[in-house]
N, C-alpha and C. Protein backbone atom coordinates (compact mmCIF):
# COMPACT_ATOMS: atom_id res chain seq x y z
N UNK A 1 0.84 -1.19 0.00
CA UNK A 1 0.00 0.00 0.00
C UNK A 1 0.89 1.25 0.00
N UNK A 2 0.51 2.21 -0.77
CA UNK A 2 1.26 3.46 -0.88
C UNK A 2 1.14 4.27 0.41
N UNK A 3 2.19 5.03 0.70
CA UNK A 3 2.18 5.88 1.88
C UNK A 3 1.18 7.03 1.70
N UNK A 4 0.87 7.69 2.79
CA UNK A 4 -0.02 8.85 2.71
C UNK A 4 0.57 9.89 1.77
N UNK A 5 1.89 10.12 1.89
CA UNK A 5 2.53 11.11 1.02
C UNK A 5 2.36 10.75 -0.46
N UNK A 6 2.58 9.49 -0.80
CA UNK A 6 2.44 9.07 -2.20
C UNK A 6 1.01 9.19 -2.69
N UNK A 7 0.06 8.82 -1.84
CA UNK A 7 -1.36 8.91 -2.24
C UNK A 7 -1.77 10.36 -2.43
N UNK A 8 -1.33 11.23 -1.51
CA UNK A 8 -1.67 12.66 -1.61
C UNK A 8 -1.01 13.27 -2.84
N UNK A 9 0.24 12.91 -3.11
CA UNK A 9 0.93 13.44 -4.29
C UNK A 9 0.19 13.05 -5.57
N UNK A 10 -0.20 11.81 -5.68
CA UNK A 10 -0.93 11.34 -6.86
C UNK A 10 -2.27 12.07 -6.99
N UNK A 11 -2.93 12.28 -5.87
CA UNK A 11 -4.23 12.95 -5.85
C UNK A 11 -4.13 14.42 -6.26
N UNK A 12 -3.13 15.13 -5.74
CA UNK A 12 -3.07 16.58 -5.91
C UNK A 12 -2.27 17.07 -7.11
N UNK A 13 -1.35 16.26 -7.59
CA UNK A 13 -0.44 16.70 -8.66
C UNK A 13 -1.17 17.28 -9.87
N UNK A 14 -2.20 16.61 -10.41
CA UNK A 14 -2.88 17.19 -11.59
C UNK A 14 -3.48 18.57 -11.32
N UNK A 15 -4.09 18.77 -10.18
CA UNK A 15 -4.71 20.05 -9.85
C UNK A 15 -3.65 21.13 -9.69
N UNK A 16 -2.57 20.81 -8.99
CA UNK A 16 -1.52 21.80 -8.76
C UNK A 16 -0.85 22.19 -10.08
N UNK A 17 -0.59 21.21 -10.93
CA UNK A 17 0.02 21.50 -12.24
C UNK A 17 -0.93 22.29 -13.13
N UNK A 18 -2.21 22.00 -13.04
CA UNK A 18 -3.21 22.70 -13.87
C UNK A 18 -3.25 24.19 -13.58
N UNK A 19 -2.97 24.58 -12.33
CA UNK A 19 -2.99 26.01 -12.00
C UNK A 19 -1.60 26.64 -12.08
N UNK A 20 -0.63 25.88 -12.62
CA UNK A 20 0.65 26.49 -12.97
C UNK A 20 1.82 26.29 -12.01
N UNK A 21 1.75 25.28 -11.16
CA UNK A 21 2.81 25.05 -10.20
C UNK A 21 3.35 23.62 -10.32
N UNK A 22 4.55 23.43 -9.78
CA UNK A 22 5.11 22.09 -9.66
C UNK A 22 4.85 21.60 -8.24
N UNK A 23 4.36 20.39 -8.10
CA UNK A 23 4.25 19.78 -6.78
C UNK A 23 5.62 19.21 -6.47
N UNK A 24 6.39 19.91 -5.66
CA UNK A 24 7.77 19.55 -5.39
C UNK A 24 7.87 18.36 -4.44
N UNK A 25 7.06 18.38 -3.38
CA UNK A 25 7.12 17.28 -2.42
C UNK A 25 5.91 17.33 -1.50
N UNK A 26 5.66 16.20 -0.84
CA UNK A 26 4.60 16.09 0.16
C UNK A 26 5.21 15.44 1.39
N UNK A 27 4.89 15.99 2.54
CA UNK A 27 5.41 15.45 3.79
C UNK A 27 4.26 15.35 4.79
N UNK A 28 4.14 14.21 5.42
CA UNK A 28 3.16 14.02 6.49
C UNK A 28 3.93 13.67 7.74
N UNK A 29 3.80 14.47 8.79
CA UNK A 29 4.62 14.27 9.98
C UNK A 29 3.83 14.56 11.25
N UNK A 30 4.21 13.85 12.29
CA UNK A 30 3.68 14.14 13.62
C UNK A 30 4.76 14.88 14.38
N UNK A 31 4.39 16.02 14.92
CA UNK A 31 5.30 16.82 15.72
C UNK A 31 4.59 17.13 17.03
N UNK A 32 5.12 16.54 18.10
CA UNK A 32 4.44 16.67 19.38
C UNK A 32 3.10 15.94 19.29
N UNK A 33 2.04 16.64 19.65
CA UNK A 33 0.70 16.05 19.59
C UNK A 33 0.03 16.27 18.24
N UNK A 34 0.62 17.10 17.40
CA UNK A 34 -0.03 17.53 16.16
C UNK A 34 0.51 16.81 14.93
N UNK A 35 -0.38 16.64 13.95
CA UNK A 35 -0.02 16.10 12.66
C UNK A 35 -0.01 17.23 11.64
N UNK A 36 0.93 17.18 10.70
CA UNK A 36 1.06 18.20 9.68
C UNK A 36 1.15 17.54 8.31
N UNK A 37 0.36 18.06 7.37
CA UNK A 37 0.49 17.68 5.97
C UNK A 37 1.08 18.89 5.26
N UNK A 38 2.31 18.72 4.79
CA UNK A 38 3.01 19.82 4.14
C UNK A 38 3.08 19.56 2.65
N UNK A 39 2.62 20.54 1.90
CA UNK A 39 2.64 20.48 0.44
C UNK A 39 3.64 21.54 -0.02
N UNK A 40 4.70 21.09 -0.67
CA UNK A 40 5.73 22.01 -1.15
C UNK A 40 5.53 22.22 -2.65
N UNK A 41 5.39 23.49 -3.04
CA UNK A 41 5.17 23.83 -4.44
C UNK A 41 6.31 24.70 -4.94
N UNK A 42 6.46 24.74 -6.26
CA UNK A 42 7.53 25.55 -6.82
C UNK A 42 7.11 26.03 -8.20
N UNK A 43 7.81 27.05 -8.68
CA UNK A 43 7.70 27.54 -10.05
C UNK A 43 8.98 28.31 -10.33
N UNK A 44 9.34 28.48 -11.59
CA UNK A 44 10.63 29.11 -11.92
C UNK A 44 10.86 30.47 -11.27
N UNK A 45 9.82 31.29 -11.13
CA UNK A 45 9.98 32.63 -10.56
C UNK A 45 10.00 32.62 -9.04
N UNK A 46 9.79 31.47 -8.43
CA UNK A 46 9.71 31.39 -6.98
C UNK A 46 8.28 31.46 -6.49
N UNK A 47 8.11 31.25 -5.22
CA UNK A 47 6.78 31.17 -4.61
C UNK A 47 6.61 32.30 -3.60
N UNK A 48 5.41 32.90 -3.60
CA UNK A 48 5.10 33.89 -2.57
C UNK A 48 3.82 33.47 -1.84
N UNK A 49 3.40 34.26 -0.88
CA UNK A 49 2.24 33.92 -0.07
C UNK A 49 0.97 33.76 -0.90
N UNK A 50 0.79 34.60 -1.92
CA UNK A 50 -0.39 34.48 -2.79
C UNK A 50 -0.44 33.14 -3.49
N UNK A 51 0.72 32.64 -3.92
CA UNK A 51 0.78 31.33 -4.56
C UNK A 51 0.34 30.23 -3.59
N UNK A 52 0.82 30.32 -2.37
CA UNK A 52 0.46 29.33 -1.36
C UNK A 52 -1.04 29.34 -1.07
N UNK A 53 -1.61 30.54 -0.99
CA UNK A 53 -3.05 30.66 -0.76
C UNK A 53 -3.85 30.08 -1.93
N UNK A 54 -3.41 30.36 -3.13
CA UNK A 54 -4.08 29.87 -4.33
C UNK A 54 -4.10 28.34 -4.35
N UNK A 55 -2.97 27.73 -4.07
CA UNK A 55 -2.89 26.26 -4.06
C UNK A 55 -3.69 25.70 -2.89
N UNK A 56 -3.59 26.31 -1.72
CA UNK A 56 -4.37 25.87 -0.57
C UNK A 56 -5.86 25.83 -0.90
N UNK A 57 -6.35 26.90 -1.51
CA UNK A 57 -7.77 26.97 -1.86
C UNK A 57 -8.15 25.90 -2.88
N UNK A 58 -7.24 25.59 -3.80
CA UNK A 58 -7.51 24.61 -4.85
C UNK A 58 -7.51 23.17 -4.35
N UNK A 59 -6.77 22.89 -3.28
CA UNK A 59 -6.63 21.49 -2.84
C UNK A 59 -7.41 21.13 -1.59
N UNK A 60 -7.87 22.10 -0.85
CA UNK A 60 -8.54 21.83 0.43
C UNK A 60 -9.73 20.88 0.30
N UNK A 61 -10.64 21.18 -0.61
CA UNK A 61 -11.82 20.33 -0.78
C UNK A 61 -11.45 18.95 -1.32
N UNK A 62 -10.46 18.89 -2.17
CA UNK A 62 -10.02 17.61 -2.73
C UNK A 62 -9.51 16.70 -1.60
N UNK A 63 -8.72 17.25 -0.70
CA UNK A 63 -8.21 16.48 0.43
C UNK A 63 -9.33 16.03 1.36
N UNK A 64 -10.27 16.93 1.63
CA UNK A 64 -11.39 16.58 2.50
C UNK A 64 -12.23 15.46 1.89
N UNK A 65 -12.47 15.54 0.60
CA UNK A 65 -13.28 14.53 -0.07
C UNK A 65 -12.58 13.17 -0.11
N UNK A 66 -11.28 13.17 -0.36
CA UNK A 66 -10.53 11.91 -0.42
C UNK A 66 -10.44 11.25 0.95
N UNK A 67 -10.35 12.05 2.01
CA UNK A 67 -10.35 11.58 3.39
C UNK A 67 -9.28 10.50 3.64
N UNK A 68 -8.07 10.73 3.13
CA UNK A 68 -6.96 9.79 3.31
C UNK A 68 -6.42 9.81 4.74
N UNK A 69 -6.56 10.93 5.40
CA UNK A 69 -5.95 11.09 6.72
C UNK A 69 -7.07 11.16 7.76
N UNK A 70 -7.06 10.19 8.65
CA UNK A 70 -8.13 10.08 9.65
C UNK A 70 -7.90 11.02 10.84
N UNK A 71 -6.63 11.29 11.16
CA UNK A 71 -6.32 12.18 12.28
C UNK A 71 -6.58 13.63 11.86
N UNK A 72 -6.83 14.47 12.86
CA UNK A 72 -6.91 15.90 12.60
C UNK A 72 -5.49 16.37 12.29
N UNK A 73 -5.37 17.20 11.25
CA UNK A 73 -4.03 17.66 10.86
C UNK A 73 -4.08 19.12 10.42
N UNK A 74 -2.91 19.72 10.39
CA UNK A 74 -2.76 21.07 9.89
C UNK A 74 -2.21 20.98 8.47
N UNK A 75 -2.81 21.70 7.55
CA UNK A 75 -2.35 21.74 6.16
C UNK A 75 -1.45 22.97 5.99
N UNK A 76 -0.25 22.73 5.49
CA UNK A 76 0.68 23.82 5.21
C UNK A 76 1.09 23.73 3.74
N UNK A 77 0.99 24.84 3.03
CA UNK A 77 1.45 24.92 1.65
C UNK A 77 2.57 25.94 1.63
N UNK A 78 3.73 25.53 1.10
CA UNK A 78 4.86 26.45 1.10
C UNK A 78 5.84 26.11 -0.02
N UNK A 79 6.83 26.96 -0.13
CA UNK A 79 7.94 26.75 -1.06
C UNK A 79 8.90 25.74 -0.44
N UNK A 80 9.64 24.99 -1.26
CA UNK A 80 10.65 24.09 -0.69
C UNK A 80 11.83 24.86 -0.10
N UNK A 81 11.89 26.16 -0.35
CA UNK A 81 12.95 26.99 0.23
C UNK A 81 14.19 27.05 -0.64
N UNK A 82 15.08 27.92 -0.26
CA UNK A 82 16.29 28.12 -1.05
C UNK A 82 17.22 26.92 -0.96
N UNK A 83 17.24 26.24 0.17
CA UNK A 83 18.06 25.04 0.34
C UNK A 83 17.18 23.81 0.21
N UNK A 84 16.69 23.59 -0.99
CA UNK A 84 15.79 22.48 -1.27
C UNK A 84 16.44 21.14 -0.95
N UNK A 85 15.66 20.26 -0.38
CA UNK A 85 16.12 18.90 -0.15
C UNK A 85 15.84 18.11 -1.43
N UNK A 86 16.88 17.49 -1.96
CA UNK A 86 16.77 16.73 -3.20
C UNK A 86 16.48 15.27 -2.85
N UNK A 87 15.20 14.93 -2.75
CA UNK A 87 14.81 13.59 -2.29
C UNK A 87 14.50 12.64 -3.44
N UNK A 88 14.03 13.17 -4.52
CA UNK A 88 13.54 12.33 -5.60
C UNK A 88 14.47 12.40 -6.80
N UNK A 89 14.41 11.37 -7.63
CA UNK A 89 15.26 11.34 -8.83
C UNK A 89 15.05 12.58 -9.69
N UNK A 90 13.81 13.05 -9.81
CA UNK A 90 13.57 14.23 -10.65
C UNK A 90 14.23 15.47 -10.06
N UNK A 91 14.33 15.55 -8.74
CA UNK A 91 15.03 16.67 -8.10
C UNK A 91 16.52 16.61 -8.45
N UNK A 92 17.10 15.42 -8.39
CA UNK A 92 18.51 15.26 -8.73
C UNK A 92 18.75 15.56 -10.21
N UNK A 93 17.88 15.06 -11.06
CA UNK A 93 18.01 15.29 -12.50
C UNK A 93 18.01 16.79 -12.81
N UNK A 94 17.13 17.54 -12.16
CA UNK A 94 17.04 18.98 -12.38
C UNK A 94 18.28 19.72 -11.90
N UNK A 95 19.07 19.09 -11.05
CA UNK A 95 20.23 19.76 -10.46
C UNK A 95 21.57 19.21 -10.92
N UNK A 96 21.57 18.37 -11.96
CA UNK A 96 22.83 17.89 -12.53
C UNK A 96 23.64 19.09 -13.00
N UNK A 97 24.92 19.07 -12.70
CA UNK A 97 25.80 20.17 -13.09
C UNK A 97 25.77 21.35 -12.15
N UNK A 98 24.97 21.27 -11.10
CA UNK A 98 24.88 22.36 -10.12
C UNK A 98 25.54 21.94 -8.82
N UNK A 99 25.94 22.93 -8.04
CA UNK A 99 26.54 22.63 -6.75
C UNK A 99 25.47 22.20 -5.76
N UNK A 100 25.75 21.11 -5.06
CA UNK A 100 24.83 20.60 -4.05
C UNK A 100 25.62 20.25 -2.79
N UNK A 101 24.91 20.11 -1.71
CA UNK A 101 25.50 19.63 -0.47
C UNK A 101 24.93 18.27 -0.15
N UNK A 102 25.77 17.40 0.39
CA UNK A 102 25.34 16.06 0.77
C UNK A 102 25.61 15.89 2.26
N UNK A 103 24.60 15.42 2.97
CA UNK A 103 24.76 15.13 4.39
C UNK A 103 24.58 13.63 4.57
N UNK A 104 25.58 12.99 5.19
CA UNK A 104 25.56 11.55 5.42
C UNK A 104 25.11 11.24 6.84
N UNK A 105 24.54 10.06 7.03
CA UNK A 105 24.13 9.64 8.37
C UNK A 105 25.34 9.23 9.20
N UNK A 106 26.35 8.68 8.53
CA UNK A 106 27.57 8.26 9.23
C UNK A 106 28.77 8.89 8.54
N UNK A 107 29.83 9.05 9.28
CA UNK A 107 31.05 9.59 8.69
C UNK A 107 31.58 8.63 7.62
N UNK A 108 32.14 9.20 6.56
CA UNK A 108 32.74 8.38 5.51
C UNK A 108 34.18 8.03 5.88
N UNK A 109 34.89 7.44 4.92
CA UNK A 109 36.27 6.99 5.18
C UNK A 109 37.21 8.15 5.52
N UNK A 110 36.82 9.37 5.17
CA UNK A 110 37.63 10.56 5.49
C UNK A 110 37.22 11.18 6.82
N UNK A 111 36.21 10.60 7.46
CA UNK A 111 35.73 11.13 8.73
C UNK A 111 34.77 12.30 8.57
N UNK A 112 34.23 12.48 7.38
CA UNK A 112 33.33 13.61 7.12
C UNK A 112 31.89 13.13 6.97
N UNK A 113 30.97 13.99 7.39
CA UNK A 113 29.55 13.71 7.23
C UNK A 113 28.90 14.62 6.19
N UNK A 114 29.61 15.66 5.76
CA UNK A 114 29.06 16.60 4.80
C UNK A 114 30.05 16.85 3.68
N UNK A 115 29.50 16.97 2.46
CA UNK A 115 30.32 17.25 1.28
C UNK A 115 29.59 18.27 0.41
N UNK A 116 30.35 19.11 -0.26
CA UNK A 116 29.84 20.07 -1.25
C UNK A 116 30.52 19.73 -2.56
N UNK A 117 29.76 19.78 -3.64
CA UNK A 117 30.35 19.53 -4.94
C UNK A 117 29.34 19.67 -6.05
N UNK A 118 29.80 19.48 -7.27
CA UNK A 118 28.94 19.58 -8.44
C UNK A 118 28.34 18.20 -8.71
N UNK A 119 27.03 18.13 -8.78
CA UNK A 119 26.35 16.87 -9.04
C UNK A 119 26.67 16.39 -10.44
N UNK A 120 27.31 15.22 -10.53
CA UNK A 120 27.67 14.63 -11.82
C UNK A 120 26.63 13.61 -12.28
N UNK A 121 26.31 12.68 -11.39
CA UNK A 121 25.36 11.62 -11.74
C UNK A 121 24.81 11.01 -10.47
N UNK A 122 23.81 10.16 -10.65
CA UNK A 122 23.22 9.47 -9.51
C UNK A 122 22.64 8.16 -9.99
N UNK A 123 22.55 7.24 -9.09
CA UNK A 123 21.95 5.94 -9.36
C UNK A 123 21.05 5.56 -8.20
N UNK A 124 20.62 4.33 -8.22
CA UNK A 124 19.71 3.85 -7.17
C UNK A 124 20.34 3.96 -5.79
N UNK A 125 21.64 3.66 -5.70
CA UNK A 125 22.29 3.59 -4.40
C UNK A 125 23.36 4.64 -4.15
N UNK A 126 23.67 5.47 -5.13
CA UNK A 126 24.78 6.40 -4.92
C UNK A 126 24.59 7.70 -5.69
N UNK A 127 25.39 8.67 -5.28
CA UNK A 127 25.44 9.97 -5.94
C UNK A 127 26.91 10.27 -6.20
N UNK A 128 27.21 10.78 -7.39
CA UNK A 128 28.58 11.16 -7.71
C UNK A 128 28.65 12.67 -7.83
N UNK A 129 29.59 13.26 -7.07
CA UNK A 129 29.82 14.70 -7.14
C UNK A 129 31.27 14.95 -7.51
N UNK A 130 31.53 16.13 -8.07
CA UNK A 130 32.90 16.54 -8.38
C UNK A 130 33.32 17.56 -7.33
N UNK A 131 34.42 17.23 -6.62
CA UNK A 131 34.96 18.09 -5.57
C UNK A 131 36.40 18.39 -5.94
N UNK A 132 36.68 19.67 -6.14
CA UNK A 132 38.04 20.11 -6.48
C UNK A 132 38.62 19.29 -7.63
N UNK A 133 37.82 19.11 -8.68
CA UNK A 133 38.28 18.42 -9.87
C UNK A 133 38.29 16.91 -9.78
N UNK A 134 37.93 16.36 -8.66
CA UNK A 134 37.96 14.91 -8.45
C UNK A 134 36.53 14.39 -8.24
N UNK A 135 36.18 13.30 -8.95
CA UNK A 135 34.86 12.70 -8.77
C UNK A 135 34.86 11.82 -7.53
N UNK A 136 33.77 11.96 -6.76
CA UNK A 136 33.61 11.14 -5.56
C UNK A 136 32.27 10.42 -5.64
N UNK A 137 32.34 9.12 -5.62
CA UNK A 137 31.14 8.30 -5.65
C UNK A 137 31.19 7.36 -4.47
N UNK A 138 30.14 7.17 -3.84
CA UNK A 138 29.95 6.23 -2.75
C UNK A 138 29.09 6.83 -1.65
N UNK A 139 28.44 7.89 -1.98
CA UNK A 139 27.50 8.48 -1.03
C UNK A 139 26.19 7.72 -1.13
N UNK A 140 25.89 6.92 -0.14
CA UNK A 140 24.69 6.10 -0.15
C UNK A 140 23.45 6.98 -0.12
N UNK A 141 22.48 6.58 -0.92
CA UNK A 141 21.19 7.27 -0.93
C UNK A 141 20.22 6.50 -0.05
N UNK A 142 19.32 7.22 0.57
CA UNK A 142 18.27 6.58 1.37
C UNK A 142 16.92 6.99 0.85
């Protein structure tokens, strides 16, 4: 069975794209006692508060009708921000040749947990970046 995030993304993507935005990501999280459904949208010119309101108005009834989430939750619509998290293959594809930062869960063989470099390529299990003219591959993806 698909996760709530995957189901919501499939449900909302056509509507969000129809009104001129990219559905960048969906996050469903419990923080303290509260649940949050976060819808991240983007467009080439960037996102402002009016964009968030427009998308919120367009998706609210769709979410209520689908009733995927049984708990009471807060709906947040926002930009992915300037330091976007590259979680999906399409995010990585859009950023090939650009500088990115990688944060690892464990230190690598050099004792580092963070790397900056130019995204060269990616696969199912790894990302290759160019750092100071040298390609580095072996950053595990999760």
